[in-house]
C-alpha atoms as a PDB file:
ATOM      1  CA  UNK A   1       9.130 -15.023   0.945  1.00  0.00           C
ATOM      2  CA  UNK A   2       7.179 -11.912   1.918  1.00  0.00           C
ATOM      3  CA  UNK A   3       7.028  -9.344  -0.876  1.00  0.00           C
ATOM      4  CA  UNK A   4       8.093  -5.828   0.110  1.00  0.00           C
ATOM      5  CA  UNK A   5       6.334  -2.887  -1.486  1.00  0.00           C
ATOM      6  CA  UNK A   6       8.050   0.441  -0.844  1.00  0.00           C
ATOM      7  CA  UNK A   7       5.814   3.501  -0.763  1.00  0.00           C
ATOM      8  CA  UNK A   8       7.684   6.560  -2.052  1.00  0.00           C
ATOM      9  CA  UNK A   9       4.988   9.180  -1.386  1.00  0.00           C
ATOM     10  CA  UNK A  10       6.961  10.957   1.329  1.00  0.00           C
ATOM     11  CA  UNK A  11       9.911  11.513  -0.966  1.00  0.00           C
ATOM     12  CA  UNK A  12       7.480  13.582  -3.022  1.00  0.00           C
ATOM     13  CA  UNK A  13       6.215  15.234   0.181  1.00  0.00           C
ATOM     14  CA  UNK A  14       9.696  16.664   0.805  1.00  0.00           C
ATOM     15  CA  UNK A  15       9.901  17.873  -2.793  1.00  0.00           C
ATOM     16  CA  UNK A  16       6.477  19.528  -2.699  1.00  0.00           C
ATOM     17  CA  UNK A  17       7.387  21.409   0.476  1.00  0.00           C
ATOM     18  CA  UNK A  18       9.450  23.661  -1.799  1.00  0.00           C
ATOM     19  CA  UNK A  19       7.543  23.061  -5.073  1.00  0.00           C
ATOM     20  CA  UNK A  20      10.836  22.155  -6.704  1.00  0.00           C
ATOM     21  CA  UNK A  21      12.281  19.166  -8.582  1.00  0.00           C
ATOM     22  CA  UNK A  22      14.154  17.345  -5.799  1.00  0.00           C
ATOM     23  CA  UNK A  23      14.192  14.839  -4.256  1.00  0.00           C
ATOM     24  CA  UNK A  24      12.750  12.967  -7.200  1.00  0.00           C
ATOM     25  CA  UNK A  25      10.521   9.994  -6.258  1.00  0.00           C
ATOM     26  CA  UNK A  26      11.449   8.334  -9.552  1.00  0.00           C
ATOM     27  CA  UNK A  27      15.093   8.189  -8.479  1.00  0.00           C
ATOM     28  CA  UNK A  28      13.978   6.995  -5.043  1.00  0.00           C
ATOM     29  CA  UNK A  29      12.066   4.161  -6.718  1.00  0.00           C
ATOM     30  CA  UNK A  30      15.156   3.066  -8.647  1.00  0.00           C
ATOM     31  CA  UNK A  31      17.224   3.026  -5.459  1.00  0.00           C
ATOM     32  CA  UNK A  32      14.481   1.104  -3.655  1.00  0.00           C
ATOM     33  CA  UNK A  33      14.633  -1.533  -6.377  1.00  0.00           C
ATOM     34  CA  UNK A  34      18.392  -1.794  -5.889  1.00  0.00           C
ATOM     35  CA  UNK A  35      17.786  -2.293  -2.158  1.00  0.00           C
ATOM     36  CA  UNK A  36      15.487  -5.252  -2.791  1.00  0.00           C
ATOM     37  CA  UNK A  37      11.973  -3.838  -3.166  1.00  0.00           C
ATOM     38  CA  UNK A  38       9.540  -6.186  -4.869  1.00  0.00           C
ATOM     39  CA  UNK A  39       7.171  -3.360  -5.762  1.00  0.00           C
ATOM     40  CA  UNK A  40       6.853   0.416  -5.758  1.00  0.00           C
ATOM     41  CA  UNK A  41       3.725   1.975  -4.271  1.00  0.00           C
ATOM     42  CA  UNK A  42       2.584   5.556  -4.889  1.00  0.00           C
ATOM     43  CA  UNK A  43      -0.637   7.415  -4.128  1.00  0.00           C
ATOM     44  CA  UNK A  44      -1.991   9.884  -6.666  1.00  0.00           C
ATOM     45  CA  UNK A  45      -4.277  11.856  -4.396  1.00  0.00           C
ATOM     46  CA  UNK A  46      -7.049  14.038  -5.763  1.00  0.00           C
ATOM     47  CA  UNK A  47      -5.403  17.097  -4.175  1.00  0.00           C
ATOM     48  CA  UNK A  48      -1.947  16.142  -5.572  1.00  0.00           C
ATOM     49  CA  UNK A  49      -0.309  16.940  -2.232  1.00  0.00           C
ATOM     50  CA  UNK A  50       2.723  14.766  -2.953  1.00  0.00           C
ATOM     51  CA  UNK A  51       2.821  12.455  -6.000  1.00  0.00           C
ATOM     52  CA  UNK A  52       2.126  14.335  -9.246  1.00  0.00           C
ATOM     53  CA  UNK A  53       0.794  13.129 -12.601  1.00  0.00           C
ATOM     54  CA  UNK A  54       4.273  13.311 -14.134  1.00  0.00           C
ATOM     55  CA  UNK A  55       5.605  11.043 -11.390  1.00  0.00           C
ATOM     56  CA  UNK A  56       3.018   8.377 -12.137  1.00  0.00           C
ATOM     57  CA  UNK A  57       3.697   8.406 -15.850  1.00  0.00           C
ATOM     58  CA  UNK A  58       7.477   8.122 -15.438  1.00  0.00           C
ATOM     59  CA  UNK A  59       7.255   5.523 -12.678  1.00  0.00           C
ATOM     60  CA  UNK A  60       5.064   3.235 -14.758  1.00  0.00           C
ATOM     61  CA  UNK A  61       7.477   3.605 -17.680  1.00  0.00           C
ATOM     62  CA  UNK A  62      10.654   2.997 -15.674  1.00  0.00           C
ATOM     63  CA  UNK A  63       9.973   0.774 -12.636  1.00  0.00           C
ATOM     64  CA  UNK A  64      11.078  -2.780 -13.396  1.00  0.00           C
ATOM     65  CA  UNK A  65       9.352  -4.423 -10.412  1.00  0.00           C
ATOM     66  CA  UNK A  66       5.583  -4.234 -10.016  1.00  0.00           C
ATOM     67  CA  UNK A  67       3.825  -0.891  -9.683  1.00  0.00           C
ATOM     68  CA  UNK A  68       1.060  -0.392  -7.134  1.00  0.00           C
ATOM     69  CA  UNK A  69      -0.958   2.788  -7.637  1.00  0.00           C
ATOM     70  CA  UNK A  70      -3.081   3.949  -4.708  1.00  0.00           C
ATOM     71  CA  UNK A  71      -6.172   5.895  -5.721  1.00  0.00           C
ATOM     72  CA  UNK A  72      -9.541   6.968  -4.399  1.00  0.00           C
ATOM     73  CA  UNK A  73     -12.690   5.728  -6.120  1.00  0.00           C
ATOM     74  CA  UNK A  74     -13.037   9.109  -7.865  1.00  0.00           C
ATOM     75  CA  UNK A  75     -13.671   9.016 -11.610  1.00  0.00           C
ATOM     76  CA  UNK A  76     -10.678  11.222 -12.491  1.00  0.00           C
ATOM     77  CA  UNK A  77      -7.950   9.187 -10.793  1.00  0.00           C
ATOM     78  CA  UNK A  78      -9.542   5.854 -11.728  1.00  0.00           C
ATOM     79  CA  UNK A  79      -9.481   7.086 -15.321  1.00  0.00           C
ATOM     80  CA  UNK A  80      -5.785   7.953 -15.051  1.00  0.00           C
ATOM     81  CA  UNK A  81      -5.042   4.470 -13.735  1.00  0.00           C
ATOM     82  CA  UNK A  82      -7.052   2.898 -16.553  1.00  0.00           C
ATOM     83  CA  UNK A  83      -5.044   4.909 -19.085  1.00  0.00           C
ATOM     84  CA  UNK A  84      -1.580   4.316 -17.625  1.00  0.00           C
ATOM     85  CA  UNK A  85      -2.172   0.711 -16.478  1.00  0.00           C
ATOM     86  CA  UNK A  86      -0.096   0.091 -13.358  1.00  0.00           C
ATOM     87  CA  UNK A  87       0.270  -3.570 -12.425  1.00  0.00           C
ATOM     88  CA  UNK A  88      -1.923  -3.055  -9.348  1.00  0.00           C
ATOM     89  CA  UNK A  89      -4.467  -0.449  -8.283  1.00  0.00           C
ATOM     90  CA  UNK A  90      -5.150  -0.136  -4.560  1.00  0.00           C
ATOM     91  CA  UNK A  91      -8.426   1.632  -3.824  1.00  0.00           C
ATOM     92  CA  UNK A  92      -8.287   3.683  -0.634  1.00  0.00           C
ATOM     93  CA  UNK A  93     -10.540   6.159   1.178  1.00  0.00           C
ATOM     94  CA  UNK A  94      -9.462   9.775   0.933  1.00  0.00           C
ATOM     95  CA  UNK A  95     -10.226  12.970   2.849  1.00  0.00           C
ATOM     96  CA  UNK A  96      -8.863  16.469   2.296  1.00  0.00           C
ATOM     97  CA  UNK A  97      -8.474  16.983   6.061  1.00  0.00           C
ATOM     98  CA  UNK A  98      -6.419  13.871   6.821  1.00  0.00           C
ATOM     99  CA  UNK A  99      -2.642  13.885   7.147  1.00  0.00           C
ATOM    100  CA  UNK A 100      -2.513  10.337   5.815  1.00  0.00           C
ATOM    101  CA  UNK A 101      -5.045   7.579   5.226  1.00  0.00           C
ATOM    102  CA  UNK A 102      -6.918   7.192   8.514  1.00  0.00           C
ATOM    103  CA  UNK A 103      -8.976   4.043   7.962  1.00  0.00           C
ATOM    104  CA  UNK A 104     -10.137   1.468   5.501  1.00  0.00           C
ATOM    105  CA  UNK A 105     -12.849   1.555   2.863  1.00  0.00           C
ATOM    106  CA  UNK A 106     -16.353   0.738   4.051  1.00  0.00           C
ATOM    107  CA  UNK A 107     -17.039  -2.032   1.559  1.00  0.00           C
ATOM    108  CA  UNK A 108     -20.056  -3.403   3.428  1.00  0.00           C
ATOM    109  CA  UNK A 109     -21.726  -0.008   3.075  1.00  0.00           C
ATOM    110  CA  UNK A 110     -20.752   0.548  -0.557  1.00  0.00           C
ATOM    111  CA  UNK A 111     -23.412   2.298  -2.617  1.00  0.00           C
ATOM    112  CA  UNK A 112     -21.849   0.979  -5.810  1.00  0.00           C
ATOM    113  CA  UNK A 113     -18.959   3.431  -6.083  1.00  0.00           C
ATOM    114  CA  UNK A 114     -16.294   0.904  -5.066  1.00  0.00           C
ATOM    115  CA  UNK A 115     -17.826  -1.814  -7.235  1.00  0.00           C
ATOM    116  CA  UNK A 116     -17.840   0.488 -10.283  1.00  0.00           C
ATOM    117  CA  UNK A 117     -14.201   1.456  -9.752  1.00  0.00           C
ATOM    118  CA  UNK A 118     -13.179  -2.187  -9.391  1.00  0.00           C
ATOM    119  CA  UNK A 119     -15.035  -3.105 -12.577  1.00  0.00           C
ATOM    120  CA  UNK A 120     -13.415  -0.276 -14.575  1.00  0.00           C
ATOM    121  CA  UNK A 121      -9.934  -1.273 -13.443  1.00  0.00           C
ATOM    122  CA  UNK A 122     -10.437  -4.968 -14.057  1.00  0.00           C
ATOM    123  CA  UNK A 123     -11.801  -4.236 -17.538  1.00  0.00           C
ATOM    124  CA  UNK A 124      -8.347  -2.786 -18.291  1.00  0.00           C
ATOM    125  CA  UNK A 125      -6.541  -5.850 -16.968  1.00  0.00           C
ATOM    126  CA  UNK A 126      -5.338  -4.098 -13.808  1.00  0.00           C
ATOM    127  CA  UNK A 127      -5.077  -6.218 -10.670  1.00  0.00           C
ATOM    128  CA  UNK A 128      -7.177  -4.680  -7.899  1.00  0.00           C
ATOM    129  CA  UNK A 129      -6.895  -4.480  -4.142  1.00  0.00           C
ATOM    130  CA  UNK A 130      -8.941  -2.724  -1.459  1.00  0.00           C
ATOM    131  CA  UNK A 131      -7.480  -1.060   1.634  1.00  0.00           C
ATOM    132  CA  UNK A 132      -9.760  -2.149   4.462  1.00  0.00           C
ATOM    133  CA  UNK A 133      -9.852  -2.357   8.236  1.00  0.00           C
ATOM    134  CA  UNK A 134      -9.149  -5.829   9.682  1.00  0.00           C
ATOM    135  CA  UNK A 135     -12.795  -6.876   9.873  1.00  0.00           C
ATOM    136  CA  UNK A 136     -13.929 -10.262   8.526  1.00  0.00           C
ATOM    137  CA  UNK A 137     -17.146  -8.714   7.179  1.00  0.00           C
ATOM    138  CA  UNK A 138     -15.162  -6.149   5.188  1.00  0.00           C
ATOM    139  CA  UNK A 139     -12.909  -8.891   3.818  1.00  0.00           C
ATOM    140  CA  UNK A 140     -15.890 -10.995   2.747  1.00  0.00           C
ATOM    141  CA  UNK A 141     -17.555  -8.013   1.065  1.00  0.00           C
ATOM    142  CA  UNK A 142     -14.320  -7.226  -0.764  1.00  0.00           C
ATOM    143  CA  UNK A 143     -13.959 -10.778  -2.008  1.00  0.00           C
ATOM    144  CA  UNK A 144     -17.540 -10.652  -3.289  1.00  0.00           C
ATOM    145  CA  UNK A 145     -16.541  -7.759  -5.573  1.00  0.00           C
ATOM    146  CA  UNK A 146     -14.006  -9.988  -7.299  1.00  0.00           C
ATOM    147  CA  UNK A 147     -10.868  -8.156  -6.174  1.00  0.00           C
ATOM    148  CA  UNK A 148      -7.500  -9.874  -6.389  1.00  0.00           C
ATOM    149  CA  UNK A 149      -6.338  -8.879  -2.899  1.00  0.00           C
ATOM    150  CA  UNK A 150      -7.155  -6.995   0.253  1.00  0.00           C
ATOM    151  CA  UNK A 151      -4.652  -4.834   2.093  1.00  0.00           C
ATOM    152  CA  UNK A 152      -5.363  -4.860   5.815  1.00  0.00           C
ATOM    153  CA  UNK A 153      -4.963  -1.549   7.610  1.00  0.00           C
ATOM    154  CA  UNK A 154      -2.268  -2.085  10.236  1.00  0.00           C
ATOM    155  CA  UNK A 155      -2.486   1.423  11.717  1.00  0.00           C
ATOM    156  CA  UNK A 156      -4.356   0.379  14.896  1.00  0.00           C
ATOM    157  CA  UNK A 157      -1.824  -2.409  15.458  1.00  0.00           C
ATOM    158  CA  UNK A 158       1.088  -0.007  14.956  1.00  0.00           C
ATOM    159  CA  UNK A 159      -0.360   2.464  17.497  1.00  0.00           C
ATOM    160  CA  UNK A 160      -1.382  -0.157  20.078  1.00  0.00           C
ATOM    161  CA  UNK A 161       0.305  -0.390  23.473  1.00  0.00           C
ATOM    162  CA  UNK A 162       0.870  -3.338  25.808  1.00  0.00           C
ATOM    163  CA  UNK A 163      -2.076  -5.798  25.885  1.00  0.00           C
ATOM    164  CA  UNK A 164      -3.792  -4.052  22.983  1.00  0.00           C
ATOM    165  CA  UNK A 165      -0.983  -5.125  20.643  1.00  0.00           C
ATOM    166  CA  UNK A 166      -1.989  -8.787  20.752  1.00  0.00           C
ATOM    167  CA  UNK A 167      -5.663  -7.850  20.369  1.00  0.00           C
ATOM    168  CA  UNK A 168      -4.956  -5.866  17.194  1.00  0.00           C
ATOM    169  CA  UNK A 169      -2.665  -8.587  15.877  1.00  0.00           C
ATOM    170  CA  UNK A 170      -5.409 -11.163  16.371  1.00  0.00           C
ATOM    171  CA  UNK A 171      -7.821  -8.991  14.384  1.00  0.00           C
ATOM    172  CA  UNK A 172      -5.327  -9.072  11.516  1.00  0.00           C
ATOM    173  CA  UNK A 173      -4.906 -12.835  11.815  1.00  0.00           C
ATOM    174  CA  UNK A 174      -8.660 -13.484  11.863  1.00  0.00           C
ATOM    175  CA  UNK A 175      -9.275 -11.228   8.872  1.00  0.00           C
ATOM    176  CA  UNK A 176      -6.355 -12.770   7.027  1.00  0.00           C
ATOM    177  CA  UNK A 177      -7.909 -16.211   7.373  1.00  0.00           C
ATOM    178  CA  UNK A 178     -11.111 -14.954   5.744  1.00  0.00           C
ATOM    179  CA  UNK A 179      -9.074 -13.627   2.818  1.00  0.00           C
ATOM    180  CA  UNK A 180      -7.199 -16.902   2.456  1.00  0.00           C
ATOM    181  CA  UNK A 181     -10.397 -18.930   2.606  1.00  0.00           C
ATOM    182  CA  UNK A 182     -11.867 -16.690  -0.105  1.00  0.00           C
ATOM    183  CA  UNK A 183      -8.883 -17.363  -2.366  1.00  0.00           C
ATOM    184  CA  UNK A 184      -7.595 -13.789  -2.577  1.00  0.00           C
ATOM    185  CA  UNK A 185      -4.149 -12.415  -1.784  1.00  0.00           C
ATOM    186  CA  UNK A 186      -3.410 -11.044   1.672  1.00  0.00           C
ATOM    187  CA  UNK A 187      -1.508  -7.767   1.907  1.00  0.00           C
ATOM    188  CA  UNK A 188      -1.026  -5.370   4.825  1.00  0.00           C
ATOM    189  CA  UNK A 189       0.327  -1.913   5.469  1.00  0.00           C
ATOM    190  CA  UNK A 190       0.227   1.411   7.328  1.00  0.00           C
ATOM    191  CA  UNK A 191       2.423   2.351  10.260  1.00  0.00           C
ATOM    192  CA  UNK A 192       4.687  -0.675   9.940  1.00  0.00           C
ATOM    193  CA  UNK A 193       8.318  -0.066  10.870  1.00  0.00           C
ATOM    194  CA  UNK A 194      11.578  -1.830  11.630  1.00  0.00           C
ATOM    195  CA  UNK A 195      10.419  -2.711  15.162  1.00  0.00           C
ATOM    196  CA  UNK A 196       6.812  -3.853  14.736  1.00  0.00           C
ATOM    197  CA  UNK A 197       6.824  -5.544  11.324  1.00  0.00           C
ATOM    198  CA  UNK A 198       7.827  -9.074  12.318  1.00  0.00           C
ATOM    199  CA  UNK A 199       4.527 -10.305  13.857  1.00  0.00           C
ATOM    200  CA  UNK A 200       2.566  -9.025  10.851  1.00  0.00           C
ATOM    201  CA  UNK A 201       4.977 -10.625   8.412  1.00  0.00           C
ATOM    202  CA  UNK A 202       4.452 -13.962  10.193  1.00  0.00           C
ATOM    203  CA  UNK A 203       0.652 -13.928   9.811  1.00  0.00           C
ATOM    204  CA  UNK A 204      -0.348 -17.106   7.934  1.00  0.00           C
ATOM    205  CA  UNK A 205      -0.655 -16.603   4.166  1.00  0.00           C
ATOM    206  CA  UNK A 206       0.628 -13.010   4.297  1.00  0.00           C
ATOM    207  CA  UNK A 207       2.021 -12.261   0.843  1.00  0.00           C
ATOM    208  CA  UNK A 208       2.901  -8.572   0.716  1.00  0.00           C
ATOM    209  CA  UNK A 209       3.663  -5.686   3.059  1.00  0.00           C
ATOM    210  CA  UNK A 210       3.620  -2.069   1.890  1.00  0.00           C
ATOM    211  CA  UNK A 211       5.830   0.230   3.945  1.00  0.00           C
ATOM    212  CA  UNK A 212       6.559   3.890   3.286  1.00  0.00           C
ATOM    213  CA  UNK A 213       7.052   6.358   6.111  1.00  0.00           C
ATOM    214  CA  UNK A 214       9.469   4.237   8.153  1.00  0.00           C
ATOM    215  CA  UNK A 215      11.645   3.435   5.149  1.00  0.00           C
ATOM    216  CA  UNK A 216      11.733   7.018   3.869  1.00  0.00           C
ATOM    217  CA  UNK A 217      12.531   8.238   7.394  1.00  0.00           C
ATOM    218  CA  UNK A 218      15.395   5.769   7.642  1.00  0.00           C
ATOM    219  CA  UNK A 219      16.535   6.756   4.160  1.00  0.00           C
ATOM    220  CA  UNK A 220      17.087  10.328   5.347  1.00  0.00           C
ATOM    221  CA  UNK A 221      19.834   8.911   7.587  1.00  0.00           C
ATOM    222  CA  UNK A 222      21.345   6.068   5.560  1.00  0.00           C
ATOM    223  CA  UNK A 223      20.051   6.420   1.994  1.00  0.00           C
ATOM    224  CA  UNK A 224      17.156   4.738   0.232  1.00  0.00           C
ATOM    225  CA  UNK A 225      19.027   1.676  -0.993  1.00  0.00           C
ATOM    226  CA  UNK A 226      20.336   0.792   2.474  1.00  0.00           C
ATOM    227  CA  UNK A 227      17.025   1.602   4.193  1.00  0.00           C
ATOM    228  CA  UNK A 228      15.163  -0.806   1.907  1.00  0.00           C
ATOM    229  CA  UNK A 229      17.889  -3.438   2.246  1.00  0.00           C
ATOM    230  CA  UNK A 230      17.573  -3.300   6.050  1.00  0.00           C
ATOM    231  CA  UNK A 231      13.838  -3.946   5.855  1.00  0.00           C
ATOM    232  CA  UNK A 232      14.393  -6.672   3.273  1.00  0.00           C
ATOM    233  CA  UNK A 233      16.826  -8.446   5.635  1.00  0.00           C
ATOM    234  CA  UNK A 234      14.347  -8.278   8.525  1.00  0.00           C
ATOM    235  CA  UNK A 235      11.626  -9.893   6.419  1.00  0.00           C
ATOM    236  CA  UNK A 236      13.970 -12.528   5.036  1.00  0.00           C
ATOM    237  CA  UNK A 237      15.204 -13.505   8.505  1.00  0.00           C
ATOM    238  CA  UNK A 238      11.772 -13.670  10.144  1.00  0.00           C
ATOM    239  CA  UNK A 239       9.998 -15.370   7.238  1.00  0.00           C
ATOM    240  CA  UNK A 240      12.747 -17.096   5.296  1.00  0.00           C
END
């Protein structure tokens, strides 16, 4: 069965638009669990544009499925993760100018910053994953750092049209095989929705998909519990 991680960042985005207390991403996480989420993902950005420190602390205390904390390799947020100890830490690139994460970490060009962050997290018993582009060289470099998983960036696949869709899907498949051969978990996410998720879920050895924007968008119409349950049913039918 494919594990479904629900990213609740955009619930916090709506809240921060008014700098108020609602909607609360903690409540959204509880409803996502009721809908069948296997994990809750949240990104504590350096600029705190959506998820706040309070959210992270309460989520880690209250979520009963696994917690997956997205962070940059910056000392401050790595330190927060080491103190609060989510189940997983997903290291991602981060830019002040971006609307959302625009690409994967450049692990092959790492000057030691990624390796140091991974080591700090693993010293605290936190499972680690790297968000990378679907490139076999990036997967191999990630595995060499001793991470527990890679999360393949599915954004290019999600944006592809016509013949390019199969090309991008094949990139994911090829990179996934490198991860499997290296003995690390295969995750994927970014831009996945109710229409395009099935081929990615069927990639050999795919273990986990992290989906946020599509589920939160659907939740505006039908509620978080039902939005997650719909995605859960799609994954169960296509991969059951």
